[in-house]
């Protein structure tokens, strides 16, 4: 997967979740303690989150999804 695809998958998934949940970027930033600029960078493909980014983990925790789901990868199914 190229960096461009990784960025757009993160942007698409994050945008979808925010829209579905009615959460603004400012709200997510406040709840996750991640800067508005960082979140906007992910949304508008200016930035890519590192694989083990603590910021991305905090955002995922707030949104109740896995980091893998945000990055566009399927999380392993639990049986």
N, C-alpha and C. Protein backbone atom coordinates (compact mmCIF):
# COMPACT_ATOMS: atom_id res chain seq x y z
N UNK A 1 0.86 -1.18 0.00
CA UNK A 1 0.00 0.00 0.00
C UNK A 1 0.90 1.23 0.00
N UNK A 2 0.59 2.18 -0.84
CA UNK A 2 1.41 3.38 -0.91
C UNK A 2 1.03 4.35 0.19
N UNK A 3 1.91 5.31 0.42
CA UNK A 3 1.64 6.32 1.45
C UNK A 3 0.36 7.08 1.12
N UNK A 4 0.14 7.39 -0.15
CA UNK A 4 -1.07 8.13 -0.55
C UNK A 4 -2.32 7.34 -0.17
N UNK A 5 -2.33 6.05 -0.44
CA UNK A 5 -3.49 5.24 -0.08
C UNK A 5 -3.67 5.17 1.43
N UNK A 6 -2.57 5.06 2.18
CA UNK A 6 -2.67 5.04 3.63
C UNK A 6 -3.28 6.34 4.14
N UNK A 7 -2.81 7.45 3.60
CA UNK A 7 -3.34 8.73 4.05
C UNK A 7 -4.81 8.87 3.70
N UNK A 8 -5.18 8.51 2.50
CA UNK A 8 -6.57 8.69 2.13
C UNK A 8 -7.48 7.73 2.90
N UNK A 9 -7.02 6.51 3.20
CA UNK A 9 -7.82 5.59 4.00
C UNK A 9 -8.05 6.16 5.39
N UNK A 10 -7.02 6.70 6.00
CA UNK A 10 -7.16 7.32 7.31
C UNK A 10 -8.13 8.50 7.23
N UNK A 11 -7.97 9.35 6.23
CA UNK A 11 -8.83 10.52 6.07
C UNK A 11 -10.28 10.10 5.86
N UNK A 12 -10.50 9.15 4.98
CA UNK A 12 -11.87 8.70 4.68
C UNK A 12 -12.52 8.08 5.91
N UNK A 13 -11.81 7.20 6.59
CA UNK A 13 -12.37 6.54 7.76
C UNK A 13 -12.63 7.51 8.90
N UNK A 14 -11.70 8.40 9.14
CA UNK A 14 -11.87 9.38 10.21
C UNK A 14 -13.04 10.31 9.91
N UNK A 15 -13.11 10.78 8.68
CA UNK A 15 -14.21 11.67 8.27
C UNK A 15 -15.55 10.96 8.41
N UNK A 16 -15.61 9.69 8.00
CA UNK A 16 -16.86 8.92 8.08
C UNK A 16 -17.32 8.78 9.54
N UNK A 17 -16.40 8.42 10.41
CA UNK A 17 -16.76 8.24 11.82
C UNK A 17 -17.20 9.55 12.45
N UNK A 18 -16.48 10.61 12.18
CA UNK A 18 -16.87 11.92 12.74
C UNK A 18 -18.27 12.31 12.27
N UNK A 19 -18.55 12.11 11.00
CA UNK A 19 -19.86 12.45 10.46
C UNK A 19 -20.96 11.58 11.07
N UNK A 20 -20.73 10.28 11.12
CA UNK A 20 -21.72 9.36 11.68
C UNK A 20 -22.03 9.66 13.14
N UNK A 21 -21.01 10.02 13.89
CA UNK A 21 -21.17 10.26 15.32
C UNK A 21 -21.52 11.71 15.66
N UNK A 22 -21.49 12.59 14.65
CA UNK A 22 -21.79 14.00 14.88
C UNK A 22 -20.74 14.69 15.73
N UNK A 23 -19.49 14.31 15.54
CA UNK A 23 -18.38 14.86 16.33
C UNK A 23 -17.60 15.84 15.46
N UNK A 24 -17.32 17.00 16.01
CA UNK A 24 -16.51 17.99 15.29
C UNK A 24 -15.03 17.73 15.54
N UNK A 25 -14.20 18.30 14.70
CA UNK A 25 -12.75 18.18 14.88
C UNK A 25 -12.36 18.79 16.23
N UNK A 26 -12.95 19.92 16.57
CA UNK A 26 -12.63 20.58 17.85
C UNK A 26 -13.00 19.69 19.04
N UNK A 27 -14.15 19.02 18.96
CA UNK A 27 -14.56 18.13 20.04
C UNK A 27 -13.59 16.96 20.17
N UNK A 28 -13.25 16.35 19.04
CA UNK A 28 -12.32 15.22 19.06
C UNK A 28 -10.97 15.64 19.61
N UNK A 29 -10.51 16.81 19.22
CA UNK A 29 -9.23 17.32 19.70
C UNK A 29 -9.26 17.49 21.22
N UNK A 30 -10.32 18.06 21.73
CA UNK A 30 -10.43 18.28 23.17
C UNK A 30 -10.50 16.95 23.93
N UNK A 31 -11.31 16.04 23.45
CA UNK A 31 -11.50 14.76 24.15
C UNK A 31 -10.26 13.88 24.10
N UNK A 32 -9.50 13.96 23.01
CA UNK A 32 -8.35 13.07 22.84
C UNK A 32 -7.03 13.72 23.23
N UNK A 33 -7.05 15.02 23.49
CA UNK A 33 -5.84 15.78 23.78
C UNK A 33 -4.84 15.71 22.62
N UNK A 34 -5.40 15.74 21.40
CA UNK A 34 -4.61 15.80 20.16
C UNK A 34 -4.96 17.13 19.50
N UNK A 35 -3.97 17.83 18.98
CA UNK A 35 -4.23 19.16 18.45
C UNK A 35 -5.18 19.14 17.25
N UNK A 36 -5.95 20.20 17.13
CA UNK A 36 -6.85 20.38 15.98
C UNK A 36 -6.04 20.31 14.69
N UNK A 37 -4.86 20.92 14.69
CA UNK A 37 -4.04 20.92 13.47
C UNK A 37 -3.61 19.51 13.07
N UNK A 38 -3.30 18.66 14.04
CA UNK A 38 -2.91 17.28 13.73
C UNK A 38 -4.09 16.54 13.12
N UNK A 39 -5.25 16.65 13.72
CA UNK A 39 -6.44 15.96 13.21
C UNK A 39 -6.80 16.48 11.82
N UNK A 40 -6.77 17.77 11.64
CA UNK A 40 -7.05 18.33 10.30
C UNK A 40 -6.02 17.87 9.28
N UNK A 41 -4.78 17.73 9.71
CA UNK A 41 -3.75 17.22 8.81
C UNK A 41 -4.06 15.81 8.33
N UNK A 42 -4.56 14.97 9.24
CA UNK A 42 -4.96 13.62 8.85
C UNK A 42 -6.16 13.66 7.92
N UNK A 43 -7.11 14.54 8.21
CA UNK A 43 -8.33 14.61 7.40
C UNK A 43 -8.08 15.11 5.98
N UNK A 44 -7.17 16.03 5.85
CA UNK A 44 -6.96 16.66 4.55
C UNK A 44 -5.67 16.18 3.88
N UNK A 45 -5.17 15.03 4.35
CA UNK A 45 -4.04 14.35 3.72
C UNK A 45 -2.74 15.13 3.72
N UNK A 46 -2.60 16.06 4.64
CA UNK A 46 -1.34 16.78 4.77
C UNK A 46 -0.35 16.02 5.64
N UNK A 47 -0.88 15.14 6.47
CA UNK A 47 -0.05 14.40 7.41
C UNK A 47 -0.45 12.94 7.42
N UNK A 48 0.52 12.11 7.71
CA UNK A 48 0.24 10.69 7.90
C UNK A 48 0.65 10.33 9.32
N UNK A 49 -0.18 9.56 9.97
CA UNK A 49 0.13 9.15 11.34
C UNK A 49 1.12 7.99 11.31
N UNK A 50 2.12 8.07 12.14
CA UNK A 50 3.07 6.97 12.27
C UNK A 50 2.33 5.72 12.75
N UNK A 51 2.91 4.58 12.45
CA UNK A 51 2.27 3.30 12.78
C UNK A 51 1.90 3.21 14.26
N UNK A 52 2.79 3.60 15.14
CA UNK A 52 2.55 3.50 16.58
C UNK A 52 2.32 4.86 17.21
N UNK A 53 1.67 5.74 16.49
CA UNK A 53 1.43 7.10 16.96
C UNK A 53 0.55 7.11 18.22
N UNK A 54 1.06 7.69 19.31
CA UNK A 54 0.23 7.81 20.52
C UNK A 54 -1.00 8.68 20.27
N UNK A 55 -0.86 9.68 19.42
CA UNK A 55 -2.00 10.55 19.11
C UNK A 55 -3.10 9.78 18.41
N UNK A 56 -2.72 8.97 17.43
CA UNK A 56 -3.72 8.18 16.71
C UNK A 56 -4.39 7.18 17.65
N UNK A 57 -3.63 6.61 18.56
CA UNK A 57 -4.19 5.67 19.55
C UNK A 57 -5.21 6.38 20.44
N UNK A 58 -4.90 7.60 20.88
CA UNK A 58 -5.85 8.34 21.72
C UNK A 58 -7.13 8.66 20.96
N UNK A 59 -6.99 9.05 19.69
CA UNK A 59 -8.16 9.35 18.85
C UNK A 59 -8.99 8.08 18.68
N UNK A 60 -8.35 6.97 18.38
CA UNK A 60 -9.06 5.69 18.21
C UNK A 60 -9.80 5.32 19.49
N UNK A 61 -9.16 5.50 20.63
CA UNK A 61 -9.79 5.17 21.91
C UNK A 61 -11.04 6.02 22.12
N UNK A 62 -10.95 7.31 21.85
CA UNK A 62 -12.10 8.21 22.01
C UNK A 62 -13.24 7.79 21.09
N UNK A 63 -12.90 7.40 19.86
CA UNK A 63 -13.92 7.01 18.88
C UNK A 63 -14.38 5.57 19.03
N UNK A 64 -13.76 4.83 19.96
CA UNK A 64 -14.11 3.43 20.24
C UNK A 64 -13.93 2.54 19.01
N UNK A 65 -12.81 2.75 18.32
CA UNK A 65 -12.43 1.90 17.19
C UNK A 65 -10.96 1.55 17.35
N UNK A 66 -10.51 0.60 16.55
CA UNK A 66 -9.09 0.23 16.61
C UNK A 66 -8.28 1.16 15.70
N UNK A 67 -7.01 1.24 15.99
CA UNK A 67 -6.10 2.01 15.13
C UNK A 67 -6.13 1.42 13.72
N UNK A 68 -6.19 0.09 13.63
CA UNK A 68 -6.21 -0.58 12.34
C UNK A 68 -7.43 -0.17 11.53
N UNK A 69 -8.58 -0.04 12.19
CA UNK A 69 -9.79 0.39 11.49
C UNK A 69 -9.62 1.81 10.96
N UNK A 70 -9.06 2.69 11.78
CA UNK A 70 -8.84 4.06 11.31
C UNK A 70 -7.89 4.10 10.12
N UNK A 71 -6.88 3.26 10.15
CA UNK A 71 -5.89 3.26 9.07
C UNK A 71 -6.34 2.47 7.85
N UNK A 72 -7.53 1.87 7.91
CA UNK A 72 -8.06 1.18 6.75
C UNK A 72 -7.71 -0.28 6.66
N UNK A 73 -7.31 -0.83 7.79
CA UNK A 73 -7.01 -2.26 7.83
C UNK A 73 -8.05 -2.93 8.71
N UNK A 74 -8.43 -4.12 8.36
CA UNK A 74 -9.40 -4.84 9.17
C UNK A 74 -8.73 -5.36 10.43
N UNK A 75 -9.37 -5.15 11.53
CA UNK A 75 -8.87 -5.71 12.79
C UNK A 75 -9.19 -7.19 12.81
N UNK A 76 -8.36 -7.98 13.46
CA UNK A 76 -8.65 -9.42 13.55
C UNK A 76 -9.96 -9.65 14.28
N UNK A 77 -10.73 -10.60 13.78
CA UNK A 77 -12.01 -10.91 14.40
C UNK A 77 -11.79 -11.74 15.65
N UNK A 78 -12.54 -11.43 16.69
CA UNK A 78 -12.44 -12.15 17.94
C UNK A 78 -13.54 -13.21 17.96
N UNK A 79 -13.15 -14.43 18.29
CA UNK A 79 -14.12 -15.53 18.30
C UNK A 79 -14.59 -15.81 19.70
